[in-house]
Amino acid sequence: MADVQKISPCLWFDGNGEEAARFYVSIFKNSRMGAITRFGKEGFEIHGRPAGSVMTVNFVLDGQEFTGLNGGPLFKFNEAISLVVNCDSQAEIDHYWEKLGAGGDPQARQCGWLKDKYGLSWQIVPKALQEMYKAGVSAKSERAMKAMLQMKKLDIAALQKAYDGAA
């Protein structure tokens, strides 16, 4: 029996879980589709999904396992949970920002956050920003925070410039 990750997120979709999983897998390196389960006739009066339609889809994004559940329209994603993508470079930030943001809500973009076309919130952040904040509140970290709060997509060079106190 294959090892199963001890804790993995389950994302609730309204019938488009397989489509979303394939979209996400196409964006992240070291990613793949996993098992797909289907609804049977049993329980139709509760779940309302036709027999044979996708119930769950397992997928891996850069080593992290996820399950997509086609649970129906009852629940929607909101900003109370987001997936954080820690980036090493501006090129990586640009890549994820463009790919994950394509078709998403342009009004839901601020401080490195975006909402994708499935309504899921993502935070696209440079690892360098964590370094700027890890020592606690300082004049440097306050300048970086002020700069970040003015941004939509995060700009590593501009954040570093603010952190360093350069004009």
Protein backbone atom coordinates (compact mmCIF):
# COMPACT_ATOMS: atom_id res chain seq x y z
CA MET A 1 0.00 0.00 0.00
CA ALA A 2 1.33 3.43 -0.93
CA ASP A 3 2.18 5.91 1.79
CA VAL A 4 -0.49 8.52 2.34
CA GLN A 5 0.36 11.97 3.64
CA LYS A 6 -0.81 12.26 7.26
CA ILE A 7 -2.54 15.62 6.77
CA SER A 8 -3.67 16.93 3.40
CA PRO A 9 -6.10 19.68 2.40
CA CYS A 10 -9.43 18.80 0.85
CA LEU A 11 -10.76 21.51 -1.45
CA TRP A 12 -14.53 21.67 -2.10
CA PHE A 13 -15.51 22.30 -5.72
CA ASP A 14 -18.83 22.62 -7.48
CA GLY A 15 -18.38 19.87 -10.07
CA ASN A 16 -15.11 21.18 -11.53
CA GLY A 17 -12.59 19.56 -9.18
CA GLU A 18 -10.86 17.55 -11.90
CA GLU A 19 -10.58 20.62 -14.15
CA ALA A 20 -9.13 22.65 -11.27
CA ALA A 21 -6.65 19.90 -10.34
CA ARG A 22 -5.43 19.65 -13.94
CA PHE A 23 -5.08 23.46 -14.04
CA TYR A 24 -3.01 23.53 -10.83
CA VAL A 25 -0.85 20.56 -11.89
CA SER A 26 -0.03 22.38 -15.15
CA ILE A 27 1.37 25.35 -13.20
CA PHE A 28 3.59 23.75 -10.55
CA LYS A 29 6.75 21.71 -11.18
CA ASN A 30 6.98 18.26 -9.60
CA SER A 31 3.20 17.87 -9.74
CA ARG A 32 0.92 15.11 -10.92
CA MET A 33 -2.62 13.87 -11.02
CA GLY A 34 -3.56 11.01 -8.73
CA ALA A 35 -6.56 8.75 -8.25
CA ILE A 36 -10.01 9.84 -9.37
CA THR A 37 -13.08 8.35 -7.69
CA ARG A 38 -16.58 8.48 -9.09
CA PHE A 39 -20.07 8.67 -7.67
CA GLY A 40 -22.19 5.55 -7.85
CA LYS A 41 -25.96 5.28 -7.77
CA GLU A 42 -25.99 5.00 -3.97
CA GLY A 43 -26.63 8.27 -2.16
CA PHE A 44 -27.96 10.20 -5.17
CA GLU A 45 -30.82 11.54 -3.05
CA ILE A 46 -28.20 13.16 -0.78
CA HIS A 47 -25.39 14.24 -3.11
CA GLY A 48 -27.44 14.71 -6.30
CA ARG A 49 -24.50 13.81 -8.53
CA PRO A 50 -25.00 11.50 -11.50
CA ALA A 51 -23.48 8.02 -11.28
CA GLY A 52 -20.08 8.00 -12.97
CA SER A 53 -19.34 11.69 -12.41
CA VAL A 54 -16.15 12.63 -10.58
CA MET A 55 -16.48 12.56 -6.79
CA THR A 56 -12.87 13.15 -5.72
CA VAL A 57 -9.58 13.81 -7.44
CA ASN A 58 -6.23 13.43 -5.76
CA PHE A 59 -3.33 15.54 -6.97
CA VAL A 60 0.13 16.60 -5.88
CA LEU A 61 1.48 20.14 -6.24
CA ASP A 62 5.25 20.33 -5.79
CA GLY A 63 5.17 17.43 -3.34
CA GLN A 64 2.06 18.54 -1.39
CA GLU A 65 -0.93 16.20 -1.65
CA PHE A 66 -4.45 17.57 -2.12
CA THR A 67 -7.91 16.16 -2.59
CA GLY A 68 -10.54 17.91 -4.66
CA LEU A 69 -14.11 17.03 -3.73
CA ASN A 70 -16.99 17.78 -6.08
CA GLY A 71 -19.35 18.59 -3.24
CA GLY A 72 -21.73 20.88 -5.09
CA PRO A 73 -22.73 24.54 -4.76
CA LEU A 74 -23.40 24.58 -1.01
CA PHE A 75 -19.97 25.91 0.03
CA LYS A 76 -17.66 28.41 -1.66
CA PHE A 77 -14.03 29.32 -1.06
CA ASN A 78 -13.35 32.52 0.84
CA GLU A 79 -10.32 34.40 2.08
CA ALA A 80 -10.41 32.66 5.47
CA ILE A 81 -8.02 30.13 3.93
CA SER A 82 -5.38 30.60 1.29
CA LEU A 83 -2.49 28.65 -0.15
CA VAL A 84 0.91 30.31 0.23
CA VAL A 85 3.50 29.94 -2.54
CA ASN A 86 6.96 30.88 -1.23
CA CYS A 87 9.07 32.13 -4.12
CA ASP A 88 12.85 32.40 -4.52
CA SER A 89 12.87 35.01 -7.28
CA GLN A 90 10.87 37.71 -9.01
CA ALA A 91 10.61 35.44 -12.06
CA GLU A 92 8.93 32.81 -9.88
CA ILE A 93 6.55 35.40 -8.40
CA ASP A 94 5.69 36.63 -11.90
CA HIS A 95 5.07 33.06 -13.11
CA TYR A 96 2.66 32.09 -10.33
CA TRP A 97 0.95 35.48 -10.32
CA GLU A 98 0.24 35.28 -14.05
CA LYS A 99 -0.73 31.60 -14.19
CA LEU A 100 -2.83 31.37 -11.01
CA GLY A 101 -4.41 34.78 -11.57
CA ALA A 102 -5.51 34.03 -15.16
CA GLY A 103 -9.29 34.25 -15.26
CA GLY A 104 -9.50 35.02 -11.54
CA ASP A 105 -11.01 37.99 -9.75
CA PRO A 106 -8.91 41.09 -10.55
CA GLN A 107 -10.52 42.95 -7.63
CA ALA A 108 -9.22 40.35 -5.15
CA ARG A 109 -5.55 41.24 -5.61
CA GLN A 110 -3.63 42.99 -2.88
CA CYS A 111 -0.38 42.51 -0.96
CA GLY A 112 0.56 39.36 -2.88
CA TRP A 113 -2.91 37.80 -2.60
CA LEU A 114 -4.96 36.75 -5.59
CA LYS A 115 -8.09 34.72 -6.20
CA ASP A 116 -7.98 32.17 -9.03
CA LYS A 117 -10.75 31.32 -11.49
CA TYR A 118 -12.12 28.69 -9.09
CA GLY A 119 -12.37 31.19 -6.24
CA LEU A 120 -9.40 29.81 -4.27
CA SER A 121 -7.14 32.42 -2.63
CA TRP A 122 -3.38 32.25 -3.04
CA GLN A 123 -0.55 34.27 -1.51
CA ILE A 124 2.41 34.64 -3.86
CA VAL A 125 5.24 35.83 -1.61
CA PRO A 126 9.01 36.11 -1.80
CA LYS A 127 11.00 34.14 0.75
CA ALA A 128 13.02 37.35 1.16
CA LEU A 129 10.01 39.03 2.77
CA GLN A 130 9.98 36.43 5.54
CA GLU A 131 13.65 37.21 6.18
CA MET A 132 12.79 40.92 6.48
CA TYR A 133 10.13 40.22 9.10
CA LYS A 134 11.68 37.38 11.10
CA ALA A 135 13.71 39.60 13.44
CA GLY A 136 10.54 41.31 14.64
CA VAL A 137 9.29 44.85 14.30
CA SER A 138 11.99 47.36 13.41
CA ALA A 139 12.28 50.51 11.33
CA LYS A 140 13.44 48.31 8.45
CA SER A 141 10.52 45.86 8.69
CA GLU A 142 8.07 48.74 9.05
CA ARG A 143 9.34 50.29 5.82
CA ALA A 144 9.02 46.94 4.04
CA MET A 145 5.49 46.53 5.40
CA LYS A 146 4.49 50.01 4.24
CA ALA A 147 5.83 49.25 0.75
CA MET A 148 4.10 45.85 0.63
CA LEU A 149 0.73 47.34 1.58
CA GLN A 150 0.89 49.53 -1.55
CA MET A 151 1.48 46.59 -3.89
CA LYS A 152 -0.72 44.09 -5.64
CA LYS A 153 1.90 41.67 -7.03
CA LEU A 154 4.92 41.79 -4.73
CA ASP A 155 8.13 43.26 -6.11
CA ILE A 156 11.24 41.90 -4.38
CA ALA A 157 13.53 44.75 -5.48
CA ALA A 158 11.10 47.43 -4.29
CA LEU A 159 10.60 45.63 -0.97
CA GLN A 160 14.35 45.30 -0.47
CA LYS A 161 14.85 48.96 -1.36
CA ALA A 162 12.24 49.99 1.23
CA TYR A 163 13.76 47.64 3.82
CA ASP A 164 17.21 49.09 3.23
CA GLY A 165 15.87 52.66 3.49
CA ALA A 166 16.95 53.58 -0.03
CA ALA A 167 14.95 56.38 -1.65
